[in-house]
Each structure stands twice: as structure tokens, then as C-alpha cells.
Full PDB file with SEQRES, HELIX, SHEET, SSBOND, CRYST1, ORIGX, SCALE, CONECT and MASTER records, all heavy atoms in Angstrom:
SEQRES   1 A   43  LYS ALA LEU ASP GLU LEU VAL ASN ASN SER GLU ILE ILE          
SEQRES   2 A   43  ILE ASP ARG PRO LYS GLY THR SER HIS PRO LYS TYR PRO          
SEQRES   3 A   43  ASP PHE ILE TYR ARG VAL ASP TYR GLY TYR LEU SER ASP          
SEQRES   4 A   43  THR SER SER MET                                              
HELIX    1 AA1 ALA A    2  ASN A    8  1                                   7    
SHEET    1 AA1 2 ILE A  12  ARG A  16  0                                        
SHEET    2 AA1 2 TYR A  34  LEU A  37 -1                                        
CRYST1    1.000    1.000    1.000  90.00  90.00  90.00 P 1           1          
ORIGX1      1.000000  0.000000  0.000000        0.00000                         
ORIGX2      0.000000  1.000000  0.000000        0.00000                         
ORIGX3      0.000000  0.000000  1.000000        0.00000                         
SCALE1      1.000000  0.000000  0.000000        0.00000                         
SCALE2      0.000000  1.000000  0.000000        0.00000                         
SCALE3      0.000000  0.000000  1.000000        0.00000                         
ATOM      1  N   LYS A   1      28.144 -22.684  13.493  1.00  0.00           N  
ATOM      2  CA  LYS A   1      28.025 -21.911  12.294  1.00  0.00           C  
ATOM      3  C   LYS A   1      27.832 -20.441  12.634  1.00  0.00           C  
ATOM      4  O   LYS A   1      28.465 -19.577  11.987  1.00  0.00           O  
ATOM      5  CB  LYS A   1      26.800 -22.368  11.483  1.00  0.00           C  
ATOM      6  CG  LYS A   1      26.963 -23.647  10.811  1.00  0.00           C  
ATOM      7  CD  LYS A   1      25.727 -24.107  10.093  1.00  0.00           C  
ATOM      8  CE  LYS A   1      25.852 -25.533   9.490  1.00  0.00           C  
ATOM      9  NZ  LYS A   1      24.551 -26.001   8.983  1.00  0.00           N  
ATOM     10  N   ALA A   2      27.071 -20.136  13.708  1.00  0.00           N  
ATOM     11  CA  ALA A   2      26.953 -18.693  14.154  1.00  0.00           C  
ATOM     12  C   ALA A   2      28.231 -18.131  14.601  1.00  0.00           C  
ATOM     13  O   ALA A   2      28.533 -16.976  14.302  1.00  0.00           O  
ATOM     14  CB  ALA A   2      25.868 -18.601  15.176  1.00  0.00           C  
ATOM     15  N   LEU A   3      29.056 -18.858  15.324  1.00  0.00           N  
ATOM     16  CA  LEU A   3      30.304 -18.491  15.864  1.00  0.00           C  
ATOM     17  C   LEU A   3      31.180 -18.165  14.663  1.00  0.00           C  
ATOM     18  O   LEU A   3      31.894 -17.214  14.603  1.00  0.00           O  
ATOM     19  CB  LEU A   3      30.907 -19.485  16.788  1.00  0.00           C  
ATOM     20  CG  LEU A   3      32.216 -19.114  17.390  1.00  0.00           C  
ATOM     21  CD1 LEU A   3      32.124 -17.905  18.255  1.00  0.00           C  
ATOM     22  CD2 LEU A   3      32.885 -20.306  18.090  1.00  0.00           C  
ATOM     23  N   ASP A   4      31.311 -19.104  13.689  1.00  0.00           N  
ATOM     24  CA  ASP A   4      32.083 -18.889  12.454  1.00  0.00           C  
ATOM     25  C   ASP A   4      31.686 -17.622  11.750  1.00  0.00           C  
ATOM     26  O   ASP A   4      32.595 -16.826  11.332  1.00  0.00           O  
ATOM     27  CB  ASP A   4      31.944 -20.041  11.507  1.00  0.00           C  
ATOM     28  CG  ASP A   4      32.683 -21.318  11.936  1.00  0.00           C  
ATOM     29  OD1 ASP A   4      33.557 -21.225  12.829  1.00  0.00           O  
ATOM     30  OD2 ASP A   4      32.327 -22.439  11.421  1.00  0.00           O  
ATOM     31  N   GLU A   5      30.358 -17.357  11.595  1.00  0.00           N  
ATOM     32  CA  GLU A   5      29.987 -16.232  10.935  1.00  0.00           C  
ATOM     33  C   GLU A   5      30.372 -14.876  11.673  1.00  0.00           C  
ATOM     34  O   GLU A   5      30.848 -13.970  11.087  1.00  0.00           O  
ATOM     35  CB  GLU A   5      28.437 -16.241  10.830  1.00  0.00           C  
ATOM     36  CG  GLU A   5      27.860 -15.056  10.006  1.00  0.00           C  
ATOM     37  CD  GLU A   5      26.395 -15.137   9.806  1.00  0.00           C  
ATOM     38  OE1 GLU A   5      25.796 -16.246   9.685  1.00  0.00           O  
ATOM     39  OE2 GLU A   5      25.738 -14.039   9.667  1.00  0.00           O  
ATOM     40  N   LEU A   6      30.246 -14.921  13.045  1.00  0.00           N  
ATOM     41  CA  LEU A   6      30.637 -13.800  13.889  1.00  0.00           C  
ATOM     42  C   LEU A   6      32.150 -13.527  13.672  1.00  0.00           C  
ATOM     43  O   LEU A   6      32.541 -12.411  13.437  1.00  0.00           O  
ATOM     44  CB  LEU A   6      30.360 -14.090  15.316  1.00  0.00           C  
ATOM     45  CG  LEU A   6      30.707 -12.974  16.305  1.00  0.00           C  
ATOM     46  CD1 LEU A   6      29.810 -11.762  16.027  1.00  0.00           C  
ATOM     47  CD2 LEU A   6      30.579 -13.458  17.720  1.00  0.00           C  
ATOM     48  N   VAL A   7      32.946 -14.552  13.742  1.00  0.00           N  
ATOM     49  CA  VAL A   7      34.397 -14.375  13.620  1.00  0.00           C  
ATOM     50  C   VAL A   7      34.728 -13.949  12.219  1.00  0.00           C  
ATOM     51  O   VAL A   7      35.612 -13.024  12.018  1.00  0.00           O  
ATOM     52  CB  VAL A   7      35.201 -15.676  13.977  1.00  0.00           C  
ATOM     53  CG1 VAL A   7      36.601 -15.655  13.571  1.00  0.00           C  
ATOM     54  CG2 VAL A   7      34.996 -15.984  15.481  1.00  0.00           C  
ATOM     55  N   ASN A   8      34.210 -14.596  11.174  1.00  0.00           N  
ATOM     56  CA  ASN A   8      34.579 -14.297   9.825  1.00  0.00           C  
ATOM     57  C   ASN A   8      34.094 -12.891   9.360  1.00  0.00           C  
ATOM     58  O   ASN A   8      34.637 -12.322   8.402  1.00  0.00           O  
ATOM     59  CB  ASN A   8      33.899 -15.355   8.856  1.00  0.00           C  
ATOM     60  CG  ASN A   8      34.577 -16.742   9.073  1.00  0.00           C  
ATOM     61  OD1 ASN A   8      35.682 -16.837   9.464  1.00  0.00           O  
ATOM     62  ND2 ASN A   8      33.803 -17.803   8.716  1.00  0.00           N  
ATOM     63  N   ASN A   9      33.130 -12.351  10.076  1.00  0.00           N  
ATOM     64  CA  ASN A   9      32.585 -11.009   9.759  1.00  0.00           C  
ATOM     65  C   ASN A   9      33.074  -9.943  10.677  1.00  0.00           C  
ATOM     66  O   ASN A   9      32.470  -8.839  10.731  1.00  0.00           O  
ATOM     67  CB  ASN A   9      31.083 -10.993   9.508  1.00  0.00           C  
ATOM     68  CG  ASN A   9      30.641 -11.865   8.387  1.00  0.00           C  
ATOM     69  OD1 ASN A   9      31.107 -11.690   7.303  1.00  0.00           O  
ATOM     70  ND2 ASN A   9      29.793 -12.791   8.623  1.00  0.00           N  
ATOM     71  N   SER A  10      34.080 -10.223  11.446  1.00  0.00           N  
ATOM     72  CA  SER A  10      34.618  -9.254  12.417  1.00  0.00           C  
ATOM     73  C   SER A  10      36.089  -9.130  12.157  1.00  0.00           C  
ATOM     74  O   SER A  10      36.837 -10.034  11.854  1.00  0.00           O  
ATOM     75  CB  SER A  10      34.401  -9.786  13.816  1.00  0.00           C  
ATOM     76  OG  SER A  10      33.041  -9.971  14.182  1.00  0.00           O  
ATOM     77  N   GLU A  11      36.573  -7.844  12.425  1.00  0.00           N  
ATOM     78  CA  GLU A  11      38.048  -7.618  12.406  1.00  0.00           C  
ATOM     79  C   GLU A  11      38.624  -8.083  13.763  1.00  0.00           C  
ATOM     80  O   GLU A  11      38.052  -7.776  14.785  1.00  0.00           O  
ATOM     81  CB  GLU A  11      38.190  -6.106  12.261  1.00  0.00           C  
ATOM     82  CG  GLU A  11      39.689  -5.747  12.194  1.00  0.00           C  
ATOM     83  CD  GLU A  11      40.021  -4.253  12.068  1.00  0.00           C  
ATOM     84  OE1 GLU A  11      38.990  -3.482  12.062  1.00  0.00           O  
ATOM     85  OE2 GLU A  11      41.202  -3.917  12.012  1.00  0.00           O  
ATOM     86  N   ILE A  12      39.665  -8.787  13.718  1.00  0.00           N  
ATOM     87  CA  ILE A  12      40.333  -9.262  14.883  1.00  0.00           C  
ATOM     88  C   ILE A  12      41.434  -8.232  15.264  1.00  0.00           C  
ATOM     89  O   ILE A  12      42.257  -7.873  14.430  1.00  0.00           O  
ATOM     90  CB  ILE A  12      41.046 -10.656  14.667  1.00  0.00           C  
ATOM     91  CG1 ILE A  12      39.990 -11.640  14.345  1.00  0.00           C  
ATOM     92  CG2 ILE A  12      41.871 -11.012  15.909  1.00  0.00           C  
ATOM     93  CD1 ILE A  12      40.484 -13.031  13.881  1.00  0.00           C  
ATOM     94  N   ILE A  13      41.283  -7.656  16.490  1.00  0.00           N  
ATOM     95  CA  ILE A  13      42.218  -6.676  16.970  1.00  0.00           C  
ATOM     96  C   ILE A  13      43.074  -7.372  18.031  1.00  0.00           C  
ATOM     97  O   ILE A  13      42.549  -7.806  19.050  1.00  0.00           O  
ATOM     98  CB  ILE A  13      41.410  -5.497  17.636  1.00  0.00           C  
ATOM     99  CG1 ILE A  13      40.444  -4.912  16.697  1.00  0.00           C  
ATOM    100  CG2 ILE A  13      42.487  -4.484  18.167  1.00  0.00           C  
ATOM    101  CD1 ILE A  13      40.948  -4.244  15.400  1.00  0.00           C  
ATOM    102  N   ILE A  14      44.408  -7.458  17.758  1.00  0.00           N  
ATOM    103  CA  ILE A  14      45.292  -7.982  18.754  1.00  0.00           C  
ATOM    104  C   ILE A  14      46.003  -6.823  19.581  1.00  0.00           C  
ATOM    105  O   ILE A  14      46.805  -6.118  19.067  1.00  0.00           O  
ATOM    106  CB  ILE A  14      46.432  -8.788  18.031  1.00  0.00           C  
ATOM    107  CG1 ILE A  14      45.887  -9.964  17.185  1.00  0.00           C  
ATOM    108  CG2 ILE A  14      47.449  -9.331  19.162  1.00  0.00           C  
ATOM    109  CD1 ILE A  14      45.057 -10.954  18.054  1.00  0.00           C  
ATOM    110  N   ASP A  15      45.427  -6.594  20.831  1.00  0.00           N  
ATOM    111  CA  ASP A  15      45.907  -5.522  21.548  1.00  0.00           C  
ATOM    112  C   ASP A  15      46.900  -5.966  22.674  1.00  0.00           C  
ATOM    113  O   ASP A  15      47.497  -5.127  23.293  1.00  0.00           O  
ATOM    114  CB  ASP A  15      44.758  -4.715  22.153  1.00  0.00           C  
ATOM    115  CG  ASP A  15      43.834  -5.464  23.009  1.00  0.00           C  
ATOM    116  OD1 ASP A  15      43.941  -6.734  23.078  1.00  0.00           O  
ATOM    117  OD2 ASP A  15      42.978  -4.899  23.714  1.00  0.00           O  
ATOM    118  N   ARG A  16      47.104  -7.290  22.793  1.00  0.00           N  
ATOM    119  CA  ARG A  16      48.001  -7.789  23.721  1.00  0.00           C  
ATOM    120  C   ARG A  16      48.830  -8.925  23.051  1.00  0.00           C  
ATOM    121  O   ARG A  16      48.461 -10.127  23.199  1.00  0.00           O  
ATOM    122  CB  ARG A  16      47.316  -8.391  24.936  1.00  0.00           C  
ATOM    123  CG  ARG A  16      46.517  -7.212  25.667  1.00  0.00           C  
ATOM    124  CD  ARG A  16      45.758  -7.677  26.807  1.00  0.00           C  
ATOM    125  NE  ARG A  16      44.916  -6.640  27.324  1.00  0.00           N  
ATOM    126  CZ  ARG A  16      44.102  -6.742  28.245  1.00  0.00           C  
ATOM    127  NH1 ARG A  16      43.932  -7.828  28.909  1.00  0.00           N  
ATOM    128  NH2 ARG A  16      43.287  -5.748  28.661  1.00  0.00           N  
ATOM    129  N   PRO A  17      49.798  -8.591  22.214  1.00  0.00           N  
ATOM    130  CA  PRO A  17      50.569  -9.593  21.527  1.00  0.00           C  
ATOM    131  C   PRO A  17      51.370 -10.569  22.370  1.00  0.00           C  
ATOM    132  O   PRO A  17      51.683 -10.222  23.505  1.00  0.00           O  
ATOM    133  CB  PRO A  17      51.541  -8.747  20.677  1.00  0.00           C  
ATOM    134  CG  PRO A  17      51.022  -7.372  20.668  1.00  0.00           C  
ATOM    135  CD  PRO A  17      50.230  -7.240  21.910  1.00  0.00           C  
ATOM    136  N   LYS A  18      51.567 -11.702  21.892  1.00  0.00           N  
ATOM    137  CA  LYS A  18      52.425 -12.734  22.575  1.00  0.00           C  
ATOM    138  C   LYS A  18      53.716 -12.038  22.974  1.00  0.00           C  
ATOM    139  O   LYS A  18      54.356 -11.239  22.243  1.00  0.00           O  
ATOM    140  CB  LYS A  18      52.676 -13.899  21.588  1.00  0.00           C  
ATOM    141  CG  LYS A  18      53.496 -15.004  22.161  1.00  0.00           C  
ATOM    142  CD  LYS A  18      53.716 -16.040  21.063  1.00  0.00           C  
ATOM    143  CE  LYS A  18      54.598 -17.115  21.509  1.00  0.00           C  
ATOM    144  NZ  LYS A  18      54.767 -18.193  20.525  1.00  0.00           N  
ATOM    145  N   GLY A  19      54.084 -12.337  24.234  1.00  0.00           N  
ATOM    146  CA  GLY A  19      55.318 -11.747  24.808  1.00  0.00           C  
ATOM    147  C   GLY A  19      55.179 -10.451  25.518  1.00  0.00           C  
ATOM    148  O   GLY A  19      56.097  -9.993  26.241  1.00  0.00           O  
ATOM    149  N   THR A  20      54.001  -9.812  25.458  1.00  0.00           N  
ATOM    150  CA  THR A  20      53.750  -8.577  26.255  1.00  0.00           C  
ATOM    151  C   THR A  20      53.107  -8.871  27.540  1.00  0.00           C  
ATOM    152  O   THR A  20      52.595  -9.908  27.816  1.00  0.00           O  
ATOM    153  CB  THR A  20      52.831  -7.617  25.427  1.00  0.00           C  
ATOM    154  OG1 THR A  20      51.609  -8.163  25.207  1.00  0.00           O  
ATOM    155  CG2 THR A  20      53.460  -7.247  24.039  1.00  0.00           C  
ATOM    156  N   SER A  21      53.214  -7.828  28.378  1.00  0.00           N  
ATOM    157  CA  SER A  21      52.606  -8.009  29.790  1.00  0.00           C  
ATOM    158  C   SER A  21      51.225  -7.399  29.902  1.00  0.00           C  
ATOM    159  O   SER A  21      50.857  -6.589  29.152  1.00  0.00           O  
ATOM    160  CB  SER A  21      53.490  -7.348  30.839  1.00  0.00           C  
ATOM    161  OG  SER A  21      53.611  -6.000  30.583  1.00  0.00           O  
ATOM    162  N   HIS A  22      50.483  -7.953  30.864  1.00  0.00           N  
ATOM    163  CA  HIS A  22      49.083  -7.475  31.066  1.00  0.00           C  
ATOM    164  C   HIS A  22      49.172  -5.978  31.573  1.00  0.00           C  
ATOM    165  O   HIS A  22      50.014  -5.709  32.399  1.00  0.00           O  
ATOM    166  CB  HIS A  22      48.444  -8.348  32.154  1.00  0.00           C  
ATOM    167  CG  HIS A  22      46.927  -8.179  32.350  1.00  0.00           C  
ATOM    168  ND1 HIS A  22      46.528  -7.100  33.019  1.00  0.00           N  
ATOM    169  CD2 HIS A  22      45.858  -8.845  31.832  1.00  0.00           C  
ATOM    170  CE1 HIS A  22      45.192  -7.115  33.017  1.00  0.00           C  
ATOM    171  NE2 HIS A  22      44.788  -8.175  32.271  1.00  0.00           N  
ATOM    172  N   PRO A  23      48.250  -5.171  31.116  1.00  0.00           N  
ATOM    173  CA  PRO A  23      48.305  -3.764  31.585  1.00  0.00           C  
ATOM    174  C   PRO A  23      48.110  -3.543  33.036  1.00  0.00           C  
ATOM    175  O   PRO A  23      48.678  -2.639  33.655  1.00  0.00           O  
ATOM    176  CB  PRO A  23      47.147  -3.097  30.828  1.00  0.00           C  
ATOM    177  CG  PRO A  23      46.362  -4.114  30.196  1.00  0.00           C  
ATOM    178  CD  PRO A  23      47.122  -5.406  30.179  1.00  0.00           C  
ATOM    179  N   LYS A  24      47.391  -4.405  33.727  1.00  0.00           N  
ATOM    180  CA  LYS A  24      47.113  -4.206  35.178  1.00  0.00           C  
ATOM    181  C   LYS A  24      48.016  -5.158  35.979  1.00  0.00           C  
ATOM    182  O   LYS A  24      48.203  -4.879  37.176  1.00  0.00           O  
ATOM    183  CB  LYS A  24      45.725  -4.550  35.594  1.00  0.00           C  
ATOM    184  CG  LYS A  24      44.718  -3.489  35.099  1.00  0.00           C  
ATOM    185  CD  LYS A  24      43.320  -3.791  35.552  1.00  0.00           C  
ATOM    186  CE  LYS A  24      42.277  -2.757  34.989  1.00  0.00           C  
ATOM    187  NZ  LYS A  24      40.873  -3.226  35.377  1.00  0.00           N  
ATOM    188  N   TYR A  25      48.502  -6.224  35.437  1.00  0.00           N  
ATOM    189  CA  TYR A  25      49.309  -7.196  36.199  1.00  0.00           C  
ATOM    190  C   TYR A  25      50.614  -7.488  35.438  1.00  0.00           C  
ATOM    191  O   TYR A  25      50.711  -8.372  34.629  1.00  0.00           O  
ATOM    192  CB  TYR A  25      48.508  -8.519  36.299  1.00  0.00           C  
ATOM    193  CG  TYR A  25      47.191  -8.359  36.886  1.00  0.00           C  
ATOM    194  CD1 TYR A  25      46.017  -8.341  36.098  1.00  0.00           C  
ATOM    195  CD2 TYR A  25      47.012  -8.115  38.268  1.00  0.00           C  
ATOM    196  CE1 TYR A  25      44.815  -8.102  36.638  1.00  0.00           C  
ATOM    197  CE2 TYR A  25      45.772  -7.870  38.823  1.00  0.00           C  
ATOM    198  CZ  TYR A  25      44.614  -7.850  38.025  1.00  0.00           C  
ATOM    199  OH  TYR A  25      43.392  -7.662  38.529  1.00  0.00           O  
ATOM    200  N   PRO A  26      51.553  -6.557  35.582  1.00  0.00           N  
ATOM    201  CA  PRO A  26      52.814  -6.610  34.729  1.00  0.00           C  
ATOM    202  C   PRO A  26      53.593  -7.906  34.822  1.00  0.00           C  
ATOM    203  O   PRO A  26      54.373  -8.226  33.892  1.00  0.00           O  
ATOM    204  CB  PRO A  26      53.670  -5.451  35.186  1.00  0.00           C  
ATOM    205  CG  PRO A  26      52.993  -4.943  36.476  1.00  0.00           C  
ATOM    206  CD  PRO A  26      51.624  -5.508  36.548  1.00  0.00           C  
ATOM    207  N   ASP A  27      53.431  -8.678  35.911  1.00  0.00           N  
ATOM    208  CA  ASP A  27      54.091 -10.005  35.978  1.00  0.00           C  
ATOM    209  C   ASP A  27      53.460 -11.015  35.055  1.00  0.00           C  
ATOM    210  O   ASP A  27      54.057 -12.068  34.801  1.00  0.00           O  
ATOM    211  CB  ASP A  27      54.095 -10.549  37.360  1.00  0.00           C  
ATOM    212  CG  ASP A  27      54.993  -9.691  38.286  1.00  0.00           C  
ATOM    213  OD1 ASP A  27      55.865  -9.001  37.712  1.00  0.00           O  
ATOM    214  OD2 ASP A  27      54.710  -9.747  39.518  1.00  0.00           O  
ATOM    215  N   PHE A  28      52.282 -10.830  34.527  1.00  0.00           N  
ATOM    216  CA  PHE A  28      51.578 -11.716  33.667  1.00  0.00           C  
ATOM    217  C   PHE A  28      52.004 -11.458  32.218  1.00  0.00           C  
ATOM    218  O   PHE A  28      51.711 -10.319  31.722  1.00  0.00           O  
ATOM    219  CB  PHE A  28      50.060 -11.591  33.778  1.00  0.00           C  
ATOM    220  CG  PHE A  28      49.377 -12.554  32.830  1.00  0.00           C  
ATOM    221  CD1 PHE A  28      49.092 -13.845  33.178  1.00  0.00           C  
ATOM    222  CD2 PHE A  28      48.908 -12.106  31.586  1.00  0.00           C  
ATOM    223  CE1 PHE A  28      48.516 -14.710  32.323  1.00  0.00           C  
ATOM    224  CE2 PHE A  28      48.238 -12.948  30.771  1.00  0.00           C  
ATOM    225  CZ  PHE A  28      48.027 -14.241  31.113  1.00  0.00           C  
ATOM    226  N   ILE A  29      52.580 -12.457  31.606  1.00  0.00           N  
ATOM    227  CA  ILE A  29      53.057 -12.262  30.207  1.00  0.00           C  
ATOM    228  C   ILE A  29      52.235 -13.126  29.307  1.00  0.00           C  
ATOM    229  O   ILE A  29      51.994 -14.321  29.603  1.00  0.00           O  
ATOM    230  CB  ILE A  29      54.558 -12.738  30.068  1.00  0.00           C  
ATOM    231  CG1 ILE A  29      55.465 -11.961  31.012  1.00  0.00           C  
ATOM    232  CG2 ILE A  29      55.050 -12.530  28.579  1.00  0.00           C  
ATOM    233  CD1 ILE A  29      55.480 -10.475  30.821  1.00  0.00           C  
ATOM    234  N   TYR A  30      51.657 -12.574  28.274  1.00  0.00           N  
ATOM    235  CA  TYR A  30      50.830 -13.366  27.315  1.00  0.00           C  
ATOM    236  C   TYR A  30      51.711 -14.259  26.520  1.00  0.00           C  
ATOM    237  O   TYR A  30      52.691 -13.854  25.941  1.00  0.00           O  
ATOM    238  CB  TYR A  30      50.089 -12.388  26.344  1.00  0.00           C  
ATOM    239  CG  TYR A  30      48.969 -11.689  27.062  1.00  0.00           C  
ATOM    240  CD1 TYR A  30      49.126 -10.494  27.698  1.00  0.00           C  
ATOM    241  CD2 TYR A  30      47.732 -12.287  27.103  1.00  0.00           C  
ATOM    242  CE1 TYR A  30      48.130  -9.796  28.350  1.00  0.00           C  
ATOM    243  CE2 TYR A  30      46.686 -11.673  27.820  1.00  0.00           C  
ATOM    244  CZ  TYR A  30      46.889 -10.442  28.447  1.00  0.00           C  
ATOM    245  OH  TYR A  30      45.827  -9.853  29.074  1.00  0.00           O  
ATOM    246  N   ARG A  31      51.337 -15.560  26.498  1.00  0.00           N  
ATOM    247  CA  ARG A  31      52.085 -16.575  25.765  1.00  0.00           C  
ATOM    248  C   ARG A  31      51.498 -16.869  24.414  1.00  0.00           C  
ATOM    249  O   ARG A  31      52.038 -17.700  23.678  1.00  0.00           O  
ATOM    250  CB  ARG A  31      52.278 -17.784  26.654  1.00  0.00           C  
ATOM    251  CG  ARG A  31      53.095 -17.448  27.854  1.00  0.00           C  
ATOM    252  CD  ARG A  31      53.300 -18.663  28.764  1.00  0.00           C  
ATOM    253  NE  ARG A  31      52.106 -19.104  29.342  1.00  0.00           N  
ATOM    254  CZ  ARG A  31      51.836 -20.392  29.812  1.00  0.00           C  
ATOM    255  NH1 ARG A  31      52.820 -21.307  29.768  1.00  0.00           N  
ATOM    256  NH2 ARG A  31      50.777 -20.693  30.447  1.00  0.00           N  
ATOM    257  N   VAL A  32      50.297 -16.345  24.183  1.00  0.00           N  
ATOM    258  CA  VAL A  32      49.557 -16.513  22.893  1.00  0.00           C  
ATOM    259  C   VAL A  32      48.985 -15.105  22.594  1.00  0.00           C  
ATOM    260  O   VAL A  32      48.596 -14.395  23.562  1.00  0.00           O  
ATOM    261  CB  VAL A  32      48.450 -17.632  22.989  1.00  0.00           C  
ATOM    262  CG1 VAL A  32      47.629 -17.675  21.691  1.00  0.00           C  
ATOM    263  CG2 VAL A  32      49.058 -18.935  23.306  1.00  0.00           C  
ATOM    264  N   ASP A  33      48.886 -14.724  21.332  1.00  0.00           N  
ATOM    265  CA  ASP A  33      48.326 -13.371  20.974  1.00  0.00           C  
ATOM    266  C   ASP A  33      46.873 -13.329  21.556  1.00  0.00           C  
ATOM    267  O   ASP A  33      46.122 -14.301  21.488  1.00  0.00           O  
ATOM    268  CB  ASP A  33      48.208 -13.275  19.514  1.00  0.00           C  
ATOM    269  CG  ASP A  33      49.563 -12.873  18.836  1.00  0.00           C  
ATOM    270  OD1 ASP A  33      50.449 -12.458  19.499  1.00  0.00           O  
ATOM    271  OD2 ASP A  33      49.672 -13.114  17.609  1.00  0.00           O  
ATOM    272  N   TYR A  34      46.469 -12.168  22.156  1.00  0.00           N  
ATOM    273  CA  TYR A  34      45.187 -11.918  22.756  1.00  0.00           C  
ATOM    274  C   TYR A  34      44.603 -10.683  22.325  1.00  0.00           C  
ATOM    275  O   TYR A  34      45.326  -9.681  22.121  1.00  0.00           O  
ATOM    276  CB  TYR A  34      45.424 -11.946  24.301  1.00  0.00           C  
ATOM    277  CG  TYR A  34      44.137 -11.822  25.096  1.00  0.00           C  
ATOM    278  CD1 TYR A  34      43.414 -12.994  25.343  1.00  0.00           C  
ATOM    279  CD2 TYR A  34      43.745 -10.683  25.595  1.00  0.00           C  
ATOM    280  CE1 TYR A  34      42.225 -12.956  25.995  1.00  0.00           C  
ATOM    281  CE2 TYR A  34      42.564 -10.563  26.369  1.00  0.00           C  
ATOM    282  CZ  TYR A  34      41.823 -11.697  26.663  1.00  0.00           C  
ATOM    283  OH  TYR A  34      40.657 -11.677  27.345  1.00  0.00           O  
ATOM    284  N   GLY A  35      43.300 -10.673  22.049  1.00  0.00           N  
ATOM    285  CA  GLY A  35      42.663  -9.422  21.616  1.00  0.00           C  
ATOM    286  C   GLY A  35      41.177  -9.575  21.619  1.00  0.00           C  
ATOM    287  O   GLY A  35      40.685 -10.236  22.524  1.00  0.00           O  
ATOM    288  N   TYR A  36      40.526  -9.034  20.710  1.00  0.00           N  
ATOM    289  CA  TYR A  36      39.003  -9.051  20.672  1.00  0.00           C  
ATOM    290  C   TYR A  36      38.506  -8.823  19.249  1.00  0.00           C  
ATOM    291  O   TYR A  36      39.217  -8.514  18.346  1.00  0.00           O  
ATOM    292  CB  TYR A  36      38.518  -7.873  21.616  1.00  0.00           C  
ATOM    293  CG  TYR A  36      38.929  -6.537  21.154  1.00  0.00           C  
ATOM    294  CD1 TYR A  36      37.971  -5.803  20.293  1.00  0.00           C  
ATOM    295  CD2 TYR A  36      40.100  -5.940  21.500  1.00  0.00           C  
ATOM    296  CE1 TYR A  36      38.314  -4.485  19.867  1.00  0.00           C  
ATOM    297  CE2 TYR A  36      40.451  -4.599  21.066  1.00  0.00           C  
ATOM    298  CZ  TYR A  36      39.553  -3.927  20.289  1.00  0.00           C  
ATOM    299  OH  TYR A  36      39.869  -2.684  19.841  1.00  0.00           O  
ATOM    300  N   LEU A  37      37.242  -9.108  19.071  1.00  0.00           N  
ATOM    301  CA  LEU A  37      36.506  -8.943  17.828  1.00  0.00           C  
ATOM    302  C   LEU A  37      35.927  -7.540  17.864  1.00  0.00           C  
ATOM    303  O   LEU A  37      35.136  -7.179  18.723  1.00  0.00           O  
ATOM    304  CB  LEU A  37      35.398  -9.965  17.669  1.00  0.00           C  
ATOM    305  CG  LEU A  37      35.915 -11.408  17.583  1.00  0.00           C  
ATOM    306  CD1 LEU A  37      34.634 -12.385  17.423  1.00  0.00           C  
ATOM    307  CD2 LEU A  37      36.780 -11.740  16.466  1.00  0.00           C  
ATOM    308  N   SER A  38      36.296  -6.709  16.875  1.00  0.00           N  
ATOM    309  CA  SER A  38      35.770  -5.349  16.802  1.00  0.00           C  
ATOM    310  C   SER A  38      34.242  -5.438  16.621  1.00  0.00           C  
ATOM    311  O   SER A  38      33.650  -6.340  16.053  1.00  0.00           O  
ATOM    312  CB  SER A  38      36.364  -4.553  15.614  1.00  0.00           C  
ATOM    313  OG  SER A  38      36.034  -5.107  14.372  1.00  0.00           O  
ATOM    314  N   ASP A  39      33.628  -4.374  17.052  1.00  0.00           N  
ATOM    315  CA  ASP A  39      32.168  -4.142  16.923  1.00  0.00           C  
ATOM    316  C   ASP A  39      31.339  -5.316  17.493  1.00  0.00           C  
ATOM    317  O   ASP A  39      30.330  -5.698  16.926  1.00  0.00           O  
ATOM    318  CB  ASP A  39      31.767  -3.956  15.463  1.00  0.00           C  
ATOM    319  CG  ASP A  39      32.431  -2.652  14.922  1.00  0.00           C  
ATOM    320  OD1 ASP A  39      32.529  -1.659  15.673  1.00  0.00           O  
ATOM    321  OD2 ASP A  39      32.878  -2.690  13.728  1.00  0.00           O  
ATOM    322  N   THR A  40      31.825  -5.933  18.594  1.00  0.00           N  
ATOM    323  CA  THR A  40      31.057  -6.979  19.309  1.00  0.00           C  
ATOM    324  C   THR A  40      31.096  -6.568  20.770  1.00  0.00           C  
ATOM    325  O   THR A  40      31.826  -5.661  21.151  1.00  0.00           O  
ATOM    326  CB  THR A  40      31.789  -8.335  19.156  1.00  0.00           C  
ATOM    327  OG1 THR A  40      33.041  -8.324  19.761  1.00  0.00           O  
ATOM    328  CG2 THR A  40      31.824  -8.787  17.780  1.00  0.00           C  
ATOM    329  N   SER A  41      30.274  -7.197  21.544  1.00  0.00           N  
ATOM    330  CA  SER A  41      30.291  -6.973  23.032  1.00  0.00           C  
ATOM    331  C   SER A  41      30.142  -8.250  23.807  1.00  0.00           C  
ATOM    332  O   SER A  41      29.472  -9.206  23.394  1.00  0.00           O  
ATOM    333  CB  SER A  41      29.205  -5.964  23.372  1.00  0.00           C  
ATOM    334  OG  SER A  41      27.970  -6.490  23.191  1.00  0.00           O  
ATOM    335  N   SER A  42      30.763  -8.263  24.941  1.00  0.00           N  
ATOM    336  CA  SER A  42      30.718  -9.450  25.846  1.00  0.00           C  
ATOM    337  C   SER A  42      30.197  -8.939  27.197  1.00  0.00           C  
ATOM    338  O   SER A  42      29.746  -7.774  27.346  1.00  0.00           O  
ATOM    339  CB  SER A  42      32.185  -9.886  25.985  1.00  0.00           C  
ATOM    340  OG  SER A  42      32.149 -11.182  26.505  1.00  0.00           O  
ATOM    341  N   MET A  43      30.182  -9.842  28.109  1.00  0.00           N  
ATOM    342  CA  MET A  43      29.597  -9.515  29.417  1.00  0.00           C  
ATOM    343  C   MET A  43      30.306  -8.333  30.153  1.00  0.00           C  
ATOM    344  O   MET A  43      29.605  -7.602  30.891  1.00  0.00           O  
ATOM    345  CB  MET A  43      29.752 -10.784  30.404  1.00  0.00           C  
ATOM    346  CG  MET A  43      28.961 -11.961  29.992  1.00  0.00           C  
ATOM    347  SD  MET A  43      27.115 -11.658  30.075  1.00  0.00           S  
ATOM    348  CE  MET A  43      26.921 -11.364  31.831  1.00  0.00           C  
TER     349      MET A  43                                                      
MASTER        0    0    0    1    2    0    0    6  348    1    0    4          
END                                                                             
């Protein structure tokens, strides 16, 4: 429930769309959209 609330109340920013390469490792191509939740922090 807490996870749902966090996701539902955050903007999802897709900064690495499917098909694009990793900024530091250009051989790595994202096969699923990747991003982050705005106004949150991780480790």
C-alpha cells in the first residue's frame, strides 16, 4: 500500500527510453523504459 501511494503520488520521469543506450556504457541498450520517481531519493 505504501509503495502504491509513493508511485501514485510521484511523477514518473523516463530518462532512458526503450531502445536507447546507457550514458556510461554505450553497448548497453535499454529493452524496457527506465527512469525514476521525481522528488524521491534512493541509496
